[in-house]
Amino acid sequence: MPESKRAKSWEDPSVNSYATTIRKKIAGYPLLYELTGNLMEGFLIGDSNHTVLIVGAGGGQELVTFSNNSLWSYVAVGDA
């Protein structure tokens, strides 16, 4: 497997810069989380509890953004 395709160690310096560089690569990156949260609120309406599976939550931003709803619980998997 080429070096560029291998999973990086959490100690790799590029891991620490992900939060900054991803915003430069994807226009409106923070808004994607806000939009997704709004869509989830629209679909998961009501007073019942919901468990949400988040696949690819390596950075954890999903959990930070969606945690405003106390009726939801999360199962998050980072695929790295």
Protein backbone atom coordinates (compact mmCIF):
# COMPACT_ATOMS: atom_id res chain seq x y z
CA MET A 1 0.00 0.00 0.00
CA PRO A 2 1.41 3.46 -0.87
CA GLU A 3 2.61 5.51 2.11
CA SER A 4 0.03 8.26 1.41
CA LYS A 5 -2.85 5.76 1.76
CA ARG A 6 -1.80 4.34 5.12
CA ALA A 7 -3.55 5.37 8.31
CA LYS A 8 -1.55 7.93 10.22
CA SER A 9 -0.52 7.64 13.81
CA TRP A 10 -2.15 10.02 16.29
CA GLU A 11 1.38 11.31 16.93
CA ASP A 12 1.81 12.40 13.28
CA PRO A 13 2.07 16.24 13.09
CA SER A 14 -0.50 16.41 10.28
CA VAL A 15 -3.17 15.02 12.63
CA ASN A 16 -2.99 18.16 14.77
CA SER A 17 -3.49 20.43 11.77
CA TYR A 18 -6.56 18.59 10.42
CA ALA A 19 -9.11 20.93 11.99
CA THR A 20 -7.45 23.92 10.34
CA THR A 21 -6.63 22.45 6.95
CA ILE A 22 -10.01 20.81 6.34
CA ARG A 23 -11.71 24.21 6.53
CA LYS A 24 -9.43 25.41 3.74
CA LYS A 25 -10.17 22.38 1.57
CA ILE A 26 -13.97 22.31 1.86
CA ALA A 27 -15.87 25.57 1.52
CA GLY A 28 -18.52 25.89 4.21
CA TYR A 29 -17.14 22.96 6.22
CA PRO A 30 -18.53 24.15 9.59
CA LEU A 31 -21.92 24.73 7.98
CA LEU A 32 -22.11 21.06 6.93
CA TYR A 33 -22.37 20.08 10.59
CA GLU A 34 -24.96 22.74 11.32
CA LEU A 35 -27.04 21.70 8.30
CA THR A 36 -26.80 18.02 9.23
CA GLY A 37 -27.87 18.79 12.79
CA ASN A 38 -30.88 20.72 11.53
CA LEU A 39 -31.86 17.89 9.19
CA MET A 40 -31.56 15.37 12.00
CA GLU A 41 -33.77 17.49 14.24
CA GLY A 42 -36.36 17.59 11.46
CA PHE A 43 -36.37 13.82 11.00
CA LEU A 44 -35.99 12.82 14.65
CA ILE A 45 -38.81 14.96 16.02
CA GLY A 46 -40.84 14.17 19.09
CA ASP A 47 -40.12 13.48 22.71
CA SER A 48 -38.75 9.99 22.27
CA ASN A 49 -35.11 9.09 22.71
CA HIS A 50 -33.04 8.25 19.65
CA THR A 51 -29.70 6.52 19.24
CA VAL A 52 -27.69 7.90 16.34
CA LEU A 53 -24.84 5.96 14.70
CA ILE A 54 -22.04 8.21 13.44
CA VAL A 55 -19.57 6.46 11.15
CA GLY A 56 -16.28 8.24 10.48
CA ALA A 57 -16.28 10.34 13.65
CA GLY A 58 -12.52 10.38 14.04
CA GLY A 59 -12.28 14.07 14.92
CA GLY A 60 -15.35 14.15 17.12
CA GLN A 61 -16.80 17.37 15.69
CA GLU A 62 -20.06 15.54 15.05
CA LEU A 63 -20.45 14.78 18.74
CA VAL A 64 -19.69 18.36 19.72
CA THR A 65 -22.15 19.80 17.19
CA PHE A 66 -25.01 17.37 17.75
CA SER A 67 -24.75 17.19 21.54
CA ASN A 68 -27.21 20.07 21.95
CA ASN A 69 -30.09 17.58 21.90
CA SER A 70 -30.26 15.80 25.24
CA LEU A 71 -32.80 13.23 23.96
CA TRP A 72 -30.29 11.69 21.58
CA SER A 73 -27.51 9.28 22.40
CA TYR A 74 -24.65 8.46 20.06
CA VAL A 75 -22.56 5.54 18.96
CA ALA A 76 -19.54 6.91 17.11
CA VAL A 77 -16.98 4.95 15.10
CA GLY A 78 -13.77 6.38 13.70
CA ASP A 79 -12.69 4.36 10.68
CA ALA A 80 -9.01 5.26 10.80
